[in-house]
Amino acid sequence: MVDATDNEACYMVRCDAKNGLIFEIGDATVGDMGLRSARFEIGKYKETIRLDGHGPDRRTTVLSKHPKLLAALTSGIDFATMYAVEADVEYSTGFELTGARDQISRLAKGCPTKP
């Protein structure tokens, strides 16, 4: 099993001009791992989501397609766990969500929504 704490991974919500808010995993190894789907566990929220590949070091998902994930990220829960699904290696990680509600809310105000 690979633990992302050994790598310099980045998990973030950002604004995309075409798609609105997206969740992005940035890690130099995601392409090598063959990461195609991830299971997120945030409080009571548990869902497996197919990820889009954007080069060897990024995987994303459009949050307008996954409103429950967006709700979980902004629920006030302080920690999230993510597991690789459909990957060439076993992979899991956790990441902080402290302050995510306010930060994502501010970002969403200036981000176009997908038509």
Protein backbone atom coordinates (compact mmCIF):
# COMPACT_ATOMS: atom_id res chain seq x y z
CA MET A 1 0.00 0.00 0.00
CA VAL A 2 1.26 3.49 -0.84
CA ASP A 3 0.63 6.29 1.62
CA ALA A 4 0.55 9.74 0.04
CA THR A 5 2.23 11.25 3.08
CA ASP A 6 5.45 9.88 1.56
CA ASN A 7 4.86 11.98 -1.58
CA GLU A 8 4.27 15.66 -2.15
CA ALA A 9 0.62 15.30 -3.11
CA CYS A 10 -1.80 18.18 -3.42
CA TYR A 11 -5.57 17.91 -3.01
CA MET A 12 -7.47 21.07 -3.86
CA VAL A 13 -10.63 22.65 -5.18
CA ARG A 14 -9.99 25.17 -7.92
CA CYS A 15 -11.98 27.22 -10.39
CA ASP A 16 -11.94 26.15 -14.02
CA ALA A 17 -13.29 28.67 -16.55
CA LYS A 18 -15.01 25.94 -18.58
CA ASN A 19 -16.29 23.58 -15.87
CA GLY A 20 -16.67 25.65 -12.69
CA LEU A 21 -15.37 24.18 -9.43
CA ILE A 22 -13.25 21.09 -9.78
CA PHE A 23 -11.49 18.85 -7.28
CA GLU A 24 -7.92 18.13 -8.29
CA ILE A 25 -5.37 15.60 -7.15
CA GLY A 26 -1.86 16.69 -8.03
CA ASP A 27 0.82 14.08 -7.49
CA ALA A 28 3.79 13.12 -9.64
CA THR A 29 2.88 9.43 -9.27
CA VAL A 30 -0.86 9.30 -10.12
CA GLY A 31 -0.18 8.44 -13.75
CA ASP A 32 2.31 5.74 -12.83
CA MET A 33 -0.19 4.29 -10.35
CA GLY A 34 -2.89 4.15 -13.01
CA LEU A 35 -5.35 6.00 -10.74
CA ARG A 36 -8.74 6.09 -12.47
CA SER A 37 -11.26 6.20 -9.61
CA ALA A 38 -11.17 7.18 -5.95
CA ARG A 39 -13.37 6.45 -2.95
CA PHE A 40 -13.90 9.45 -0.71
CA GLU A 41 -14.97 9.14 2.92
CA ILE A 42 -15.86 12.41 4.62
CA GLY A 43 -18.04 12.00 7.70
CA LYS A 44 -21.15 10.06 6.61
CA TYR A 45 -20.37 10.68 2.92
CA LYS A 46 -18.86 7.66 1.17
CA GLU A 47 -18.73 7.49 -2.62
CA THR A 48 -16.51 6.18 -5.40
CA ILE A 49 -15.95 8.67 -8.20
CA ARG A 50 -14.41 8.23 -11.64
CA LEU A 51 -11.55 10.68 -12.15
CA ASP A 52 -10.53 12.41 -15.36
CA GLY A 53 -6.87 12.13 -16.31
CA HIS A 54 -5.02 15.31 -17.20
CA GLY A 55 -1.44 14.31 -17.83
CA PRO A 56 0.75 12.04 -15.74
CA ASP A 57 0.51 14.16 -12.60
CA ARG A 58 -3.13 15.28 -12.28
CA ARG A 59 -6.56 13.73 -11.82
CA THR A 60 -9.74 15.81 -11.54
CA THR A 61 -13.49 15.63 -11.15
CA VAL A 62 -16.03 18.36 -11.91
CA LEU A 63 -17.90 19.14 -8.68
CA SER A 64 -21.11 20.14 -10.46
CA LYS A 65 -21.38 16.46 -11.44
CA HIS A 66 -20.85 15.40 -7.82
CA PRO A 67 -22.84 17.75 -5.58
CA LYS A 68 -22.64 15.33 -2.64
CA LEU A 69 -18.84 15.47 -2.75
CA LEU A 70 -18.98 19.28 -2.78
CA ALA A 71 -21.43 19.21 0.15
CA ALA A 72 -19.12 16.87 2.08
CA LEU A 73 -16.04 19.01 1.39
CA THR A 74 -17.92 22.05 2.76
CA SER A 75 -19.73 20.27 5.60
CA GLY A 76 -17.36 21.41 8.34
CA ILE A 77 -15.76 17.97 8.77
CA ASP A 78 -12.04 18.50 9.41
CA PHE A 79 -10.60 15.44 7.67
CA ALA A 80 -11.15 13.36 4.53
CA THR A 81 -9.91 9.92 3.55
CA MET A 82 -9.40 8.86 -0.04
CA TYR A 83 -8.70 5.37 -1.40
CA ALA A 84 -7.55 4.46 -4.89
CA VAL A 85 -9.97 2.30 -6.85
CA GLU A 86 -9.13 0.86 -10.26
CA ALA A 87 -5.44 1.59 -9.82
CA ASP A 88 -2.32 -0.45 -10.44
CA VAL A 89 -1.28 -0.12 -6.77
CA GLU A 90 -3.12 0.09 -3.45
CA TYR A 91 -3.16 3.71 -2.34
CA SER A 92 -4.82 5.61 0.47
CA THR A 93 -4.39 9.00 2.04
CA GLY A 94 -6.05 11.49 4.30
CA PHE A 95 -6.14 15.25 4.01
CA GLU A 96 -7.18 18.21 6.13
CA LEU A 97 -10.44 20.04 5.46
CA THR A 98 -10.08 22.57 8.27
CA GLY A 99 -11.40 25.88 6.93
CA ALA A 100 -12.49 24.31 3.62
CA ARG A 101 -16.09 25.50 3.99
CA ASP A 102 -15.12 29.18 4.00
CA GLN A 103 -12.36 28.86 1.41
CA ILE A 104 -14.50 26.93 -1.09
CA SER A 105 -17.44 29.29 -0.52
CA ARG A 106 -15.24 32.31 -1.36
CA LEU A 107 -13.85 30.55 -4.41
CA ALA A 108 -17.33 29.57 -5.62
CA LYS A 109 -18.55 33.18 -5.52
CA GLY A 110 -16.04 34.20 -8.18
CA CYS A 111 -16.22 31.03 -10.23
CA PRO A 112 -18.55 30.63 -13.21
CA THR A 113 -20.96 27.74 -12.96
CA LYS A 114 -21.10 25.18 -15.69
CA PRO A 115 -24.01 25.87 -18.08
